[in-house]
Each structure stands twice: as C-alpha cells, then as structure tokens.
Amino acid sequence: MEEEEIKAAVAEALIVSVEAQLKALKKFKGAPTQEKDRQKRTSNLSMVEDVLERAGKELHISQILQRVEKGYGLRLDRDSIVSALSKKVARNERFVRTGKNIFALKGGK
C-alpha cells in the first residue's frame, strides 16, 4: 500500500468511528438519529426509487436491496418489494421491468 492509500484508509476508519460515536451519543441522549428520521419519512418504494435514480441504470432486485440496506440501514423483504414493484409496473407507474427481476425508473430517470 502506498502512503496515500494508508492515510485514506485511516481517515475513513476515523470517520466511521466518529459517526458511530455520535450516533451512540444521540441515542443515549434520546435525540432521534438521522437514520431513524430518514426511515420514518421514506417509504420502501421511495427508497427503491432513490437507489435507481442514483444508479442511473436498471438494477437487479438483489442489487437494489443491497443498496437500500447500505444507504438506509434497512433490510427490505425481497418478495414484498418485487410484488410492490410489479404492481407499479402493471399500472405503468414510476417503474419499468427490463428483465427477470430487473427494474428501472420509468422514462430512464
């Protein structure tokens, strides 16, 4: 590893550590955490829509679920999400199916 890579890795580790400490302090204090606030105000399909928008391309349901879990800290039920997405596709709303369990935003947003 080069010196810059080591510095970047140490800096990232420190950032993760400080964020975890801040989250723990907020929980201890009783203040709502940003993750809980985001989850409360964001529906499952809104999270999926956000993931697809950020990706800028079609994604397999497995990729969508991984990105939702990473970005929102929430594990979604695969069957429920596929069912909800399929209903939206059937109604021609928000999402399109481009392959088996592969979804994208309608209009390529």
PDB file of N, CA and C in Angstrom:
ATOM      1  N   MET A   1       0.841  -1.193   0.000  1.00  0.00           N
ATOM      2  CA  MET A   1       0.000   0.000   0.000  1.00  0.00           C
ATOM      3  C   MET A   1       0.880   1.248   0.000  1.00  0.00           C
ATOM      4  N   GLU A   2       0.480   2.190  -0.773  1.00  0.00           N
ATOM      5  CA  GLU A   2       1.193   3.454  -0.784  1.00  0.00           C
ATOM      6  C   GLU A   2       0.789   4.279   0.422  1.00  0.00           C
ATOM      7  N   GLU A   3       1.609   5.254   0.739  1.00  0.00           N
ATOM      8  CA  GLU A   3       1.369   6.095   1.907  1.00  0.00           C
ATOM      9  C   GLU A   3       0.022   6.814   1.817  1.00  0.00           C
ATOM     10  N   GLU A   4      -0.348   7.284   0.636  1.00  0.00           N
ATOM     11  CA  GLU A   4      -1.627   7.983   0.467  1.00  0.00           C
ATOM     12  C   GLU A   4      -2.809   7.042   0.703  1.00  0.00           C
ATOM     13  N   GLU A   5      -2.683   5.805   0.243  1.00  0.00           N
ATOM     14  CA  GLU A   5      -3.742   4.826   0.458  1.00  0.00           C
ATOM     15  C   GLU A   5      -3.908   4.525   1.944  1.00  0.00           C
ATOM     16  N   ILE A   6      -2.798   4.446   2.649  1.00  0.00           N
ATOM     17  CA  ILE A   6      -2.838   4.196   4.090  1.00  0.00           C
ATOM     18  C   ILE A   6      -3.501   5.360   4.807  1.00  0.00           C
ATOM     19  N   LYS A   7      -3.114   6.581   4.432  1.00  0.00           N
ATOM     20  CA  LYS A   7      -3.725   7.767   5.036  1.00  0.00           C
ATOM     21  C   LYS A   7      -5.229   7.795   4.777  1.00  0.00           C
ATOM     22  N   ALA A   8      -5.626   7.478   3.564  1.00  0.00           N
ATOM     23  CA  ALA A   8      -7.044   7.484   3.209  1.00  0.00           C
ATOM     24  C   ALA A   8      -7.803   6.421   3.999  1.00  0.00           C
ATOM     25  N   ALA A   9      -7.215   5.247   4.172  1.00  0.00           N
ATOM     26  CA  ALA A   9      -7.855   4.176   4.920  1.00  0.00           C
ATOM     27  C   ALA A   9      -7.999   4.553   6.392  1.00  0.00           C
ATOM     28  N   VAL A  10      -6.955   5.147   6.972  1.00  0.00           N
ATOM     29  CA  VAL A  10      -7.012   5.573   8.371  1.00  0.00           C
ATOM     30  C   VAL A  10      -8.062   6.668   8.546  1.00  0.00           C
ATOM     31  N   ALA A  11      -8.092   7.626   7.627  1.00  0.00           N
ATOM     32  CA  ALA A  11      -9.068   8.716   7.700  1.00  0.00           C
ATOM     33  C   ALA A  11     -10.491   8.161   7.617  1.00  0.00           C
ATOM     34  N   GLU A  12     -10.722   7.222   6.720  1.00  0.00           N
ATOM     35  CA  GLU A  12     -12.055   6.621   6.576  1.00  0.00           C
ATOM     36  C   GLU A  12     -12.441   5.878   7.851  1.00  0.00           C
ATOM     37  N   ALA A  13     -11.492   5.145   8.438  1.00  0.00           N
ATOM     38  CA  ALA A  13     -11.769   4.422   9.684  1.00  0.00           C
ATOM     39  C   ALA A  13     -12.122   5.387  10.809  1.00  0.00           C
ATOM     40  N   LEU A  14     -11.422   6.499  10.882  1.00  0.00           N
ATOM     41  CA  LEU A  14     -11.707   7.501  11.911  1.00  0.00           C
ATOM     42  C   LEU A  14     -13.087   8.131  11.703  1.00  0.00           C
ATOM     43  N   ILE A  15     -13.435   8.400  10.467  1.00  0.00           N
ATOM     44  CA  ILE A  15     -14.743   8.982  10.159  1.00  0.00           C
ATOM     45  C   ILE A  15     -15.853   8.023  10.595  1.00  0.00           C
ATOM     46  N   VAL A  16     -15.710   6.754  10.243  1.00  0.00           N
ATOM     47  CA  VAL A  16     -16.717   5.753  10.613  1.00  0.00           C
ATOM     48  C   VAL A  16     -16.832   5.663  12.132  1.00  0.00           C
ATOM     49  N   SER A  17     -15.694   5.689  12.799  1.00  0.00           N
ATOM     50  CA  SER A  17     -15.676   5.613  14.256  1.00  0.00           C
ATOM     51  C   SER A  17     -16.374   6.810  14.896  1.00  0.00           C
ATOM     52  N   VAL A  18     -16.061   8.003  14.422  1.00  0.00           N
ATOM     53  CA  VAL A  18     -16.659   9.214  14.985  1.00  0.00           C
ATOM     54  C   VAL A  18     -18.164   9.245  14.715  1.00  0.00           C
ATOM     55  N   GLU A  19     -18.582   8.828  13.517  1.00  0.00           N
ATOM     56  CA  GLU A  19     -20.014   8.789  13.205  1.00  0.00           C
ATOM     57  C   GLU A  19     -20.740   7.805  14.118  1.00  0.00           C
ATOM     58  N   ALA A  20     -20.123   6.663  14.384  1.00  0.00           N
ATOM     59  CA  ALA A  20     -20.734   5.674  15.278  1.00  0.00           C
ATOM     60  C   ALA A  20     -20.829   6.220  16.699  1.00  0.00           C
ATOM     61  N   GLN A  21     -19.793   6.930  17.139  1.00  0.00           N
ATOM     62  CA  GLN A  21     -19.812   7.531  18.472  1.00  0.00           C
ATOM     63  C   GLN A  21     -20.902   8.583  18.576  1.00  0.00           C
ATOM     64  N   LEU A  22     -21.035   9.405  17.546  1.00  0.00           N
ATOM     65  CA  LEU A  22     -22.071  10.440  17.538  1.00  0.00           C
ATOM     66  C   LEU A  22     -23.460   9.809  17.568  1.00  0.00           C
ATOM     67  N   LYS A  23     -23.656   8.764  16.797  1.00  0.00           N
ATOM     68  CA  LYS A  23     -24.941   8.065  16.778  1.00  0.00           C
ATOM     69  C   LYS A  23     -25.250   7.503  18.165  1.00  0.00           C
ATOM     70  N   ALA A  24     -24.248   6.912  18.811  1.00  0.00           N
ATOM     71  CA  ALA A  24     -24.442   6.352  20.155  1.00  0.00           C
ATOM     72  C   ALA A  24     -24.772   7.447  21.162  1.00  0.00           C
ATOM     73  N   LEU A  25     -24.096   8.587  21.058  1.00  0.00           N
ATOM     74  CA  LEU A  25     -24.382   9.699  21.966  1.00  0.00           C
ATOM     75  C   LEU A  25     -25.796  10.228  21.776  1.00  0.00           C
ATOM     76  N   LYS A  26     -26.237  10.336  20.529  1.00  0.00           N
ATOM     77  CA  LYS A  26     -27.598  10.805  20.254  1.00  0.00           C
ATOM     78  C   LYS A  26     -28.621   9.821  20.800  1.00  0.00           C
ATOM     79  N   LYS A  27     -28.331   8.532  20.650  1.00  0.00           N
ATOM     80  CA  LYS A  27     -29.240   7.517  21.173  1.00  0.00           C
ATOM     81  C   LYS A  27     -29.284   7.600  22.699  1.00  0.00           C
ATOM     82  N   PHE A  28     -28.119   7.763  23.321  1.00  0.00           N
ATOM     83  CA  PHE A  28     -28.036   7.881  24.776  1.00  0.00           C
ATOM     84  C   PHE A  28     -28.809   9.093  25.255  1.00  0.00           C
ATOM     85  N   LYS A  29     -28.668  10.191  24.539  1.00  0.00           N
ATOM     86  CA  LYS A  29     -29.333  11.446  24.904  1.00  0.00           C
ATOM     87  C   LYS A  29     -30.831  11.372  24.633  1.00  0.00           C
ATOM     88  N   GLY A  30     -31.228  10.478  23.749  1.00  0.00           N
ATOM     89  CA  GLY A  30     -32.641  10.347  23.413  1.00  0.00           C
ATOM     90  C   GLY A  30     -33.034  11.132  22.176  1.00  0.00           C
ATOM     91  N   ALA A  31     -32.067  11.744  21.530  1.00  0.00           N
ATOM     92  CA  ALA A  31     -32.352  12.500  20.311  1.00  0.00           C
ATOM     93  C   ALA A  31     -32.555  11.532  19.156  1.00  0.00           C
ATOM     94  N   PRO A  32     -33.462  11.856  18.245  1.00  0.00           N
ATOM     95  CA  PRO A  32     -33.661  10.975  17.088  1.00  0.00           C
ATOM     96  C   PRO A  32     -32.419  10.981  16.206  1.00  0.00           C
ATOM     97  N   THR A  33     -32.069   9.822  15.698  1.00  0.00           N
ATOM     98  CA  THR A  33     -30.917   9.744  14.804  1.00  0.00           C
ATOM     99  C   THR A  33     -31.363  10.059  13.385  1.00  0.00           C
ATOM    100  N   GLN A  34     -30.427  10.456  12.581  1.00  0.00           N
ATOM    101  CA  GLN A  34     -30.735  10.807  11.192  1.00  0.00           C
ATOM    102  C   GLN A  34     -31.295   9.592  10.457  1.00  0.00           C
ATOM    103  N   GLU A  35     -30.752   8.392  10.722  1.00  0.00           N
ATOM    104  CA  GLU A  35     -31.220   7.201  10.040  1.00  0.00           C
ATOM    105  C   GLU A  35     -32.678   6.922  10.379  1.00  0.00           C
ATOM    106  N   LYS A  36     -33.057   7.039  11.651  1.00  0.00           N
ATOM    107  CA  LYS A  36     -34.444   6.791  12.036  1.00  0.00           C
ATOM    108  C   LYS A  36     -35.364   7.828  11.414  1.00  0.00           C
ATOM    109  N   ASP A  37     -34.935   9.084  11.402  1.00  0.00           N
ATOM    110  CA  ASP A  37     -35.746  10.135  10.789  1.00  0.00           C
ATOM    111  C   ASP A  37     -35.963   9.837   9.311  1.00  0.00           C
ATOM    112  N   ARG A  38     -34.901   9.421   8.630  1.00  0.00           N
ATOM    113  CA  ARG A  38     -34.985   9.149   7.202  1.00  0.00           C
ATOM    114  C   ARG A  38     -35.915   7.967   6.950  1.00  0.00           C
ATOM    115  N   GLN A  39     -35.814   6.919   7.774  1.00  0.00           N
ATOM    116  CA  GLN A  39     -36.671   5.752   7.606  1.00  0.00           C
ATOM    117  C   GLN A  39     -38.130   6.098   7.845  1.00  0.00           C
ATOM    118  N   LYS A  40     -38.415   6.926   8.842  1.00  0.00           N
ATOM    119  CA  LYS A  40     -39.787   7.281   9.165  1.00  0.00           C
ATOM    120  C   LYS A  40     -40.458   8.035   8.031  1.00  0.00           C
ATOM    121  N   ARG A  41     -39.713   8.869   7.338  1.00  0.00           N
ATOM    122  CA  ARG A  41     -40.336   9.705   6.329  1.00  0.00           C
ATOM    123  C   ARG A  41     -40.179   9.171   4.905  1.00  0.00           C
ATOM    124  N   THR A  42     -39.551   8.013   4.759  1.00  0.00           N
ATOM    125  CA  THR A  42     -39.307   7.477   3.433  1.00  0.00           C
ATOM    126  C   THR A  42     -39.948   6.104   3.294  1.00  0.00           C
ATOM    127  N   SER A  43     -40.843   5.972   2.312  1.00  0.00           N
ATOM    128  CA  SER A  43     -41.480   4.671   2.084  1.00  0.00           C
ATOM    129  C   SER A  43     -40.478   3.722   1.430  1.00  0.00           C
ATOM    130  N   ASN A  44     -40.799   2.437   1.479  1.00  0.00           N
ATOM    131  CA  ASN A  44     -39.914   1.442   0.878  1.00  0.00           C
ATOM    132  C   ASN A  44     -39.702   1.706  -0.610  1.00  0.00           C
ATOM    133  N   LEU A  45     -40.786   2.000  -1.325  1.00  0.00           N
ATOM    134  CA  LEU A  45     -40.649   2.246  -2.758  1.00  0.00           C
ATOM    135  C   LEU A  45     -39.927   3.559  -3.041  1.00  0.00           C
ATOM    136  N   SER A  46     -40.024   4.516  -2.145  1.00  0.00           N
ATOM    137  CA  SER A  46     -39.264   5.757  -2.319  1.00  0.00           C
ATOM    138  C   SER A  46     -37.769   5.487  -2.181  1.00  0.00           C
ATOM    139  N   MET A  47     -37.419   4.588  -1.264  1.00  0.00           N
ATOM    140  CA  MET A  47     -36.009   4.205  -1.126  1.00  0.00           C
ATOM    141  C   MET A  47     -35.525   3.491  -2.387  1.00  0.00           C
ATOM    142  N   VAL A  48     -36.358   2.600  -2.924  1.00  0.00           N
ATOM    143  CA  VAL A  48     -36.013   1.897  -4.155  1.00  0.00           C
ATOM    144  C   VAL A  48     -35.857   2.894  -5.298  1.00  0.00           C
ATOM    145  N   GLU A  49     -36.785   3.827  -5.375  1.00  0.00           N
ATOM    146  CA  GLU A  49     -36.715   4.853  -6.425  1.00  0.00           C
ATOM    147  C   GLU A  49     -35.427   5.668  -6.293  1.00  0.00           C
ATOM    148  N   ASP A  50     -35.066   6.031  -5.074  1.00  0.00           N
ATOM    149  CA  ASP A  50     -33.834   6.783  -4.834  1.00  0.00           C
ATOM    150  C   ASP A  50     -32.610   5.978  -5.277  1.00  0.00           C
ATOM    151  N   VAL A  51     -32.590   4.695  -4.947  1.00  0.00           N
ATOM    152  CA  VAL A  51     -31.469   3.833  -5.329  1.00  0.00           C
ATOM    153  C   VAL A  51     -31.344   3.772  -6.849  1.00  0.00           C
ATOM    154  N   LEU A  52     -32.473   3.584  -7.538  1.00  0.00           N
ATOM    155  CA  LEU A  52     -32.443   3.510  -9.000  1.00  0.00           C
ATOM    156  C   LEU A  52     -32.038   4.844  -9.618  1.00  0.00           C
ATOM    157  N   GLU A  53     -32.506   5.936  -9.022  1.00  0.00           N
ATOM    158  CA  GLU A  53     -32.149   7.259  -9.533  1.00  0.00           C
ATOM    159  C   GLU A  53     -30.650   7.506  -9.394  1.00  0.00           C
ATOM    160  N   ARG A  54     -30.110   7.152  -8.241  1.00  0.00           N
ATOM    161  CA  ARG A  54     -28.670   7.329  -8.011  1.00  0.00           C
ATOM    162  C   ARG A  54     -27.837   6.446  -8.931  1.00  0.00           C
ATOM    163  N   ALA A  55     -28.328   5.224  -9.174  1.00  0.00           N
ATOM    164  CA  ALA A  55     -27.600   4.303 -10.046  1.00  0.00           C
ATOM    165  C   ALA A  55     -27.609   4.797 -11.488  1.00  0.00           C
ATOM    166  N   GLY A  56     -28.725   5.406 -11.884  1.00  0.00           N
ATOM    167  CA  GLY A  56     -28.827   5.904 -13.255  1.00  0.00           C
ATOM    168  C   GLY A  56     -28.959   4.803 -14.287  1.00  0.00           C
ATOM    169  N   LYS A  57     -29.299   3.622 -13.831  1.00  0.00           N
ATOM    170  CA  LYS A  57     -29.441   2.484 -14.745  1.00  0.00           C
ATOM    171  C   LYS A  57     -30.336   1.443 -14.097  1.00  0.00           C
ATOM    172  N   GLU A  58     -30.697   0.435 -14.877  1.00  0.00           N
ATOM    173  CA  GLU A  58     -31.501  -0.661 -14.360  1.00  0.00           C
ATOM    174  C   GLU A  58     -30.667  -1.481 -13.372  1.00  0.00           C
ATOM    175  N   LEU A  59     -31.353  -2.072 -12.402  1.00  0.00           N
ATOM    176  CA  LEU A  59     -30.675  -2.910 -11.414  1.00  0.00           C
ATOM    177  C   LEU A  59     -31.504  -4.151 -11.126  1.00  0.00           C
ATOM    178  N   HIS A  60     -30.831  -5.237 -10.842  1.00  0.00           N
ATOM    179  CA  HIS A  60     -31.487  -6.459 -10.395  1.00  0.00           C
ATOM    180  C   HIS A  60     -31.978  -6.234  -8.968  1.00  0.00           C
ATOM    181  N   ILE A  61     -33.035  -6.919  -8.596  1.00  0.00           N
ATOM    182  CA  ILE A  61     -33.620  -6.727  -7.270  1.00  0.00           C
ATOM    183  C   ILE A  61     -32.583  -6.956  -6.162  1.00  0.00           C
ATOM    184  N   SER A  62     -31.677  -7.892  -6.349  1.00  0.00           N
ATOM    185  CA  SER A  62     -30.640  -8.145  -5.335  1.00  0.00           C
ATOM    186  C   SER A  62     -29.758  -6.917  -5.131  1.00  0.00           C
ATOM    187  N   GLN A  63     -29.407  -6.260  -6.235  1.00  0.00           N
ATOM    188  CA  GLN A  63     -28.592  -5.045  -6.147  1.00  0.00           C
ATOM    189  C   GLN A  63     -29.373  -3.915  -5.476  1.00  0.00           C
ATOM    190  N   ILE A  64     -30.636  -3.809  -5.818  1.00  0.00           N
ATOM    191  CA  ILE A  64     -31.485  -2.771  -5.221  1.00  0.00           C
ATOM    192  C   ILE A  64     -31.537  -2.956  -3.711  1.00  0.00           C
ATOM    193  N   LEU A  65     -31.804  -4.185  -3.273  1.00  0.00           N
ATOM    194  CA  LEU A  65     -31.923  -4.461  -1.846  1.00  0.00           C
ATOM    195  C   LEU A  65     -30.611  -4.211  -1.111  1.00  0.00           C
ATOM    196  N   GLN A  66     -29.494  -4.574  -1.730  1.00  0.00           N
ATOM    197  CA  GLN A  66     -28.184  -4.327  -1.118  1.00  0.00           C
ATOM    198  C   GLN A  66     -27.946  -2.830  -0.946  1.00  0.00           C
ATOM    199  N   ARG A  67     -28.281  -2.071  -1.968  1.00  0.00           N
ATOM    200  CA  ARG A  67     -28.043  -0.627  -1.912  1.00  0.00           C
ATOM    201  C   ARG A  67     -28.975   0.067  -0.923  1.00  0.00           C
ATOM    202  N   VAL A  68     -30.209  -0.404  -0.805  1.00  0.00           N
ATOM    203  CA  VAL A  68     -31.129   0.153   0.200  1.00  0.00           C
ATOM    204  C   VAL A  68     -30.583  -0.131   1.599  1.00  0.00           C
ATOM    205  N   GLU A  69     -30.131  -1.365   1.802  1.00  0.00           N
ATOM    206  CA  GLU A  69     -29.599  -1.719   3.124  1.00  0.00           C
ATOM    207  C   GLU A  69     -28.360  -0.883   3.460  1.00  0.00           C
ATOM    208  N   LYS A  70     -27.494  -0.699   2.485  1.00  0.00           N
ATOM    209  CA  LYS A  70     -26.274   0.092   2.709  1.00  0.00           C
ATOM    210  C   LYS A  70     -26.600   1.566   2.926  1.00  0.00           C
ATOM    211  N   GLY A  71     -27.498   2.107   2.123  1.00  0.00           N
ATOM    212  CA  GLY A  71     -27.793   3.537   2.181  1.00  0.00           C
ATOM    213  C   GLY A  71     -28.748   3.945   3.290  1.00  0.00           C
ATOM    214  N   TYR A  72     -29.665   3.050   3.639  1.00  0.00           N
ATOM    215  CA  TYR A  72     -30.694   3.392   4.622  1.00  0.00           C
ATOM    216  C   TYR A  72     -30.606   2.566   5.895  1.00  0.00           C
ATOM    217  N   GLY A  73     -29.733   1.555   5.902  1.00  0.00           N
ATOM    218  CA  GLY A  73     -29.607   0.713   7.075  1.00  0.00           C
ATOM    219  C   GLY A  73     -30.855  -0.110   7.342  1.00  0.00           C
ATOM    220  N   LEU A  74     -31.589  -0.420   6.290  1.00  0.00           N
ATOM    221  CA  LEU A  74     -32.855  -1.125   6.432  1.00  0.00           C
ATOM    222  C   LEU A  74     -32.885  -2.300   5.470  1.00  0.00           C
ATOM    223  N   ARG A  75     -33.187  -3.483   5.992  1.00  0.00           N
ATOM    224  CA  ARG A  75     -33.287  -4.674   5.154  1.00  0.00           C
ATOM    225  C   ARG A  75     -34.744  -4.850   4.743  1.00  0.00           C
ATOM    226  N   LEU A  76     -34.993  -4.756   3.448  1.00  0.00           N
ATOM    227  CA  LEU A  76     -36.350  -4.888   2.931  1.00  0.00           C
ATOM    228  C   LEU A  76     -36.638  -6.339   2.563  1.00  0.00           C
ATOM    229  N   ASP A  77     -37.899  -6.726   2.649  1.00  0.00           N
ATOM    230  CA  ASP A  77     -38.322  -8.068   2.273  1.00  0.00           C
ATOM    231  C   ASP A  77     -38.384  -8.168   0.753  1.00  0.00           C
ATOM    232  N   ARG A  78     -37.604  -9.083   0.206  1.00  0.00           N
ATOM    233  CA  ARG A  78     -37.474  -9.222  -1.243  1.00  0.00           C
ATOM    234  C   ARG A  78     -38.826  -9.446  -1.928  1.00  0.00           C
ATOM    235  N   ASP A  79     -39.606 -10.402  -1.424  1.00  0.00           N
ATOM    236  CA  ASP A  79     -40.882 -10.727  -2.069  1.00  0.00           C
ATOM    237  C   ASP A  79     -41.846  -9.542  -2.037  1.00  0.00           C
ATOM    238  N   SER A  80     -41.874  -8.829  -0.930  1.00  0.00           N
ATOM    239  CA  SER A  80     -42.768  -7.669  -0.816  1.00  0.00           C
ATOM    240  C   SER A  80     -42.386  -6.574  -1.802  1.00  0.00           C
ATOM    241  N   ILE A  81     -41.094  -6.333  -1.930  1.00  0.00           N
ATOM    242  CA  ILE A  81     -40.635  -5.272  -2.841  1.00  0.00           C
ATOM    243  C   ILE A  81     -40.882  -5.669  -4.289  1.00  0.00           C
ATOM    244  N   VAL A  82     -40.593  -6.919  -4.638  1.00  0.00           N
ATOM    245  CA  VAL A  82     -40.851  -7.372  -6.016  1.00  0.00           C
ATOM    246  C   VAL A  82     -42.335  -7.261  -6.321  1.00  0.00           C
ATOM    247  N   SER A  83     -43.170  -7.642  -5.370  1.00  0.00           N
ATOM    248  CA  SER A  83     -44.619  -7.545  -5.561  1.00  0.00           C
ATOM    249  C   SER A  83     -45.048  -6.087  -5.753  1.00  0.00           C
ATOM    250  N   ALA A  84     -44.555  -5.211  -4.890  1.00  0.00           N
ATOM    251  CA  ALA A  84     -44.916  -3.787  -4.992  1.00  0.00           C
ATOM    252  C   ALA A  84     -44.428  -3.188  -6.298  1.00  0.00           C
ATOM    253  N   LEU A  85     -43.195  -3.530  -6.690  1.00  0.00           N
ATOM    254  CA  LEU A  85     -42.661  -3.017  -7.964  1.00  0.00           C
ATOM    255  C   LEU A  85     -43.474  -3.549  -9.137  1.00  0.00           C
ATOM    256  N   SER A  86     -43.833  -4.825  -9.086  1.00  0.00           N
ATOM    257  CA  SER A  86     -44.617  -5.429 -10.171  1.00  0.00           C
ATOM    258  C   SER A  86     -45.972  -4.754 -10.320  1.00  0.00           C
ATOM    259  N   LYS A  87     -46.590  -4.406  -9.197  1.00  0.00           N
ATOM    260  CA  LYS A  87     -47.864  -3.694  -9.250  1.00  0.00           C
ATOM    261  C   LYS A  87     -47.699  -2.321  -9.889  1.00  0.00           C
ATOM    262  N   LYS A  88     -46.624  -1.622  -9.539  1.00  0.00           N
ATOM    263  CA  LYS A  88     -46.369  -0.303 -10.134  1.00  0.00           C
ATOM    264  C   LYS A  88     -46.107  -0.441 -11.632  1.00  0.00           C
ATOM    265  N   VAL A  89     -45.367  -1.476 -12.016  1.00  0.00           N
ATOM    266  CA  VAL A  89     -45.093  -1.717 -13.438  1.00  0.00           C
ATOM    267  C   VAL A  89     -46.401  -1.982 -14.176  1.00  0.00           C
ATOM    268  N   ALA A  90     -47.258  -2.813 -13.596  1.00  0.00           N
ATOM    269  CA  ALA A  90     -48.541  -3.153 -14.236  1.00  0.00           C
ATOM    270  C   ALA A  90     -49.420  -1.920 -14.415  1.00  0.00           C
ATOM    271  N   ARG A  91     -49.323  -0.990 -13.474  1.00  0.00           N
ATOM    272  CA  ARG A  91     -50.103   0.250 -13.555  1.00  0.00           C
ATOM    273  C   ARG A  91     -49.387   1.333 -14.363  1.00  0.00           C
ATOM    274  N   ASN A  92     -48.210   0.995 -14.862  1.00  0.00           N
ATOM    275  CA  ASN A  92     -47.408   1.943 -15.651  1.00  0.00           C
ATOM    276  C   ASN A  92     -47.009   3.168 -14.815  1.00  0.00           C
ATOM    277  N   GLU A  93     -46.675   2.931 -13.542  1.00  0.00           N
ATOM    278  CA  GLU A  93     -46.320   3.999 -12.608  1.00  0.00           C
ATOM    279  C   GLU A  93     -44.867   3.872 -12.152  1.00  0.00           C
ATOM    280  N   ARG A  94     -44.111   4.920 -12.308  1.00  0.00           N
ATOM    281  CA  ARG A  94     -42.775   5.086 -11.715  1.00  0.00           C
ATOM    282  C   ARG A  94     -41.698   4.119 -12.176  1.00  0.00           C
ATOM    283  N   PHE A  95     -42.026   2.817 -12.337  1.00  0.00           N
ATOM    284  CA  PHE A  95     -41.007   1.805 -12.602  1.00  0.00           C
ATOM    285  C   PHE A  95     -41.327   1.012 -13.854  1.00  0.00           C
ATOM    286  N   VAL A  96     -40.275   0.440 -14.448  1.00  0.00           N
ATOM    287  CA  VAL A  96     -40.421  -0.486 -15.569  1.00  0.00           C
ATOM    288  C   VAL A  96     -39.605  -1.733 -15.263  1.00  0.00           C
ATOM    289  N   ARG A  97     -40.050  -2.844 -15.828  1.00  0.00           N
ATOM    290  CA  ARG A  97     -39.299  -4.097 -15.703  1.00  0.00           C
ATOM    291  C   ARG A  97     -38.561  -4.301 -17.013  1.00  0.00           C
ATOM    292  N   THR A  98     -37.247  -4.471 -16.945  1.00  0.00           N
ATOM    293  CA  THR A  98     -36.457  -4.630 -18.167  1.00  0.00           C
ATOM    294  C   THR A  98     -35.956  -6.053 -18.348  1.00  0.00           C
ATOM    295  N   GLY A  99     -36.228  -6.899 -17.361  1.00  0.00           N
ATOM    296  CA  GLY A  99     -35.820  -8.301 -17.418  1.00  0.00           C
ATOM    297  C   GLY A  99     -36.353  -9.004 -16.191  1.00  0.00           C
ATOM    298  N   LYS A 100     -35.972 -10.266 -16.028  1.00  0.00           N
ATOM    299  CA  LYS A 100     -36.437 -11.029 -14.870  1.00  0.00           C
ATOM    300  C   LYS A 100     -35.844 -10.425 -13.594  1.00  0.00           C
ATOM    301  N   ASN A 101     -36.714  -9.840 -12.774  1.00  0.00           N
ATOM    302  CA  ASN A 101     -36.324  -9.182 -11.518  1.00  0.00           C
ATOM    303  C   ASN A 101     -35.332  -8.038 -11.722  1.00  0.00           C
ATOM    304  N   ILE A 102     -35.397  -7.420 -12.882  1.00  0.00           N
ATOM    305  CA  ILE A 102     -34.569  -6.248 -13.177  1.00  0.00           C
ATOM    306  C   ILE A 102     -35.516  -5.068 -13.390  1.00  0.00           C
ATOM    307  N   PHE A 103     -35.261  -4.000 -12.644  1.00  0.00           N
ATOM    308  CA  PHE A 103     -36.149  -2.844 -12.673  1.00  0.00           C
ATOM    309  C   PHE A 103     -35.361  -1.564 -12.947  1.00  0.00           C
ATOM    310  N   ALA A 104     -36.084  -0.590 -13.489  1.00  0.00           N
ATOM    311  CA  ALA A 104     -35.509   0.727 -13.759  1.00  0.00           C
ATOM    312  C   ALA A 104     -36.613   1.756 -13.523  1.00  0.00           C
ATOM    313  N   LEU A 105     -36.214   2.998 -13.508  1.00  0.00           N
ATOM    314  CA  LEU A 105     -37.213   4.069 -13.397  1.00  0.00           C
ATOM    315  C   LEU A 105     -37.864   4.288 -14.751  1.00  0.00           C
ATOM    316  N   LYS A 106     -39.126   4.556 -14.726  1.00  0.00           N
ATOM    317  CA  LYS A 106     -39.866   4.840 -15.944  1.00  0.00           C
ATOM    318  C   LYS A 106     -39.281   6.091 -16.587  1.00  0.00           C
ATOM    319  N   GLY A 107     -39.078   6.042 -17.866  1.00  0.00           N
ATOM    320  CA  GLY A 107     -38.531   7.194 -18.566  1.00  0.00           C
ATOM    321  C   GLY A 107     -37.028   7.326 -18.424  1.00  0.00           C
ATOM    322  N   GLY A 108     -36.386   6.328 -17.839  1.00  0.00           N
ATOM    323  CA  GLY A 108     -34.933   6.341 -17.714  1.00  0.00           C
ATOM    324  C   GLY A 108     -34.380   7.462 -16.870  1.00  0.00           C
ATOM    325  N   LYS A 109     -35.144   7.906 -15.848  1.00  0.00           N
ATOM    326  CA  LYS A 109     -34.714   8.990 -14.977  1.00  0.00           C
ATOM    327  C   LYS A 109     -33.433   8.652 -14.273  1.00  0.00           C
TER     328      LYS A 109
END
